[in-house]
Amino acid sequence: MVALKNSTFSIVAVYPILTQSLSFPLILWLQ
């Protein structure tokens, strides 16, 4: 249960950073 909570927290923490790092070059490339 603790491991599940930690993995969910890490996903929540990493996901915005990952999406920003992926979307930022994509936005620049599309412009």
N, C-alpha and C. Protein backbone atom coordinates (compact mmCIF):
# COMPACT_ATOMS: atom_id res chain seq x y z
N MET A 1 0.84 -1.21 0.00
CA MET A 1 0.00 0.00 0.00
C MET A 1 0.88 1.27 0.00
N VAL A 2 1.95 1.23 0.78
CA VAL A 2 2.86 2.37 0.84
C VAL A 2 3.60 2.54 -0.49
N ALA A 3 3.98 1.40 -1.09
CA ALA A 3 4.67 1.44 -2.38
C ALA A 3 3.76 2.01 -3.47
N LEU A 4 2.49 1.63 -3.41
CA LEU A 4 1.51 2.14 -4.37
C LEU A 4 1.34 3.64 -4.23
N LYS A 5 1.31 4.10 -2.98
CA LYS A 5 1.17 5.52 -2.70
C LYS A 5 2.39 6.30 -3.20
N ASN A 6 3.57 5.73 -3.00
CA ASN A 6 4.80 6.37 -3.44
C ASN A 6 4.90 6.43 -4.96
N SER A 7 4.49 5.36 -5.63
CA SER A 7 4.54 5.34 -7.09
C SER A 7 3.53 6.32 -7.68
N THR A 8 2.36 6.41 -7.07
CA THR A 8 1.34 7.37 -7.52
C THR A 8 1.83 8.79 -7.34
N PHE A 9 2.50 9.06 -6.23
CA PHE A 9 3.04 10.38 -5.94
C PHE A 9 4.13 10.75 -6.94
N SER A 10 4.98 9.77 -7.26
CA SER A 10 6.07 10.02 -8.21
C SER A 10 5.53 10.27 -9.62
N ILE A 11 4.46 9.57 -9.98
CA ILE A 11 3.81 9.79 -11.28
C ILE A 11 3.21 11.19 -11.33
N VAL A 12 2.54 11.59 -10.25
CA VAL A 12 1.94 12.92 -10.17
C VAL A 12 3.01 14.01 -10.21
N ALA A 13 4.16 13.72 -9.59
CA ALA A 13 5.25 14.70 -9.56
C ALA A 13 5.97 14.79 -10.90
N VAL A 14 6.16 13.66 -11.56
CA VAL A 14 6.95 13.60 -12.80
C VAL A 14 6.12 13.96 -14.03
N TYR A 15 4.83 13.61 -14.02
CA TYR A 15 3.99 13.78 -15.20
C TYR A 15 3.93 15.21 -15.73
N PRO A 16 3.72 16.25 -14.90
CA PRO A 16 3.72 17.63 -15.43
C PRO A 16 5.06 18.04 -16.01
N ILE A 17 6.15 17.60 -15.37
CA ILE A 17 7.49 17.92 -15.87
C ILE A 17 7.72 17.24 -17.23
N LEU A 18 7.28 16.00 -17.32
CA LEU A 18 7.43 15.23 -18.55
C LEU A 18 6.62 15.85 -19.69
N THR A 19 5.37 16.21 -19.41
CA THR A 19 4.51 16.80 -20.43
C THR A 19 5.01 18.17 -20.86
N GLN A 20 5.53 18.96 -19.91
CA GLN A 20 6.09 20.27 -20.25
C GLN A 20 7.32 20.13 -21.13
N SER A 21 8.20 19.20 -20.76
CA SER A 21 9.45 19.01 -21.51
C SER A 21 9.17 18.44 -22.90
N LEU A 22 8.06 17.71 -23.05
CA LEU A 22 7.69 17.19 -24.37
C LEU A 22 6.91 18.21 -25.19
N SER A 23 6.03 18.96 -24.56
CA SER A 23 5.16 19.89 -25.28
C SER A 23 5.88 21.18 -25.67
N PHE A 24 6.86 21.59 -24.88
CA PHE A 24 7.56 22.85 -25.16
C PHE A 24 8.31 22.83 -26.50
N PRO A 25 9.13 21.81 -26.79
CA PRO A 25 9.77 21.75 -28.11
C PRO A 25 8.76 21.55 -29.23
N LEU A 26 7.68 20.84 -28.93
CA LEU A 26 6.64 20.60 -29.93
C LEU A 26 5.95 21.89 -30.32
N ILE A 27 5.66 22.75 -29.35
CA ILE A 27 5.05 24.06 -29.60
C ILE A 27 6.00 24.94 -30.41
N LEU A 28 7.27 24.92 -30.05
CA LEU A 28 8.27 25.70 -30.80
C LEU A 28 8.40 25.20 -32.23
N TRP A 29 8.34 23.87 -32.39
CA TRP A 29 8.48 23.26 -33.71
C TRP A 29 7.26 23.56 -34.60
N LEU A 30 6.08 23.58 -33.98
CA LEU A 30 4.86 23.84 -34.74
C LEU A 30 4.75 25.30 -35.17
N GLN A 31 5.35 26.19 -34.38
CA GLN A 31 5.35 27.60 -34.76
C GLN A 31 6.43 27.84 -35.81
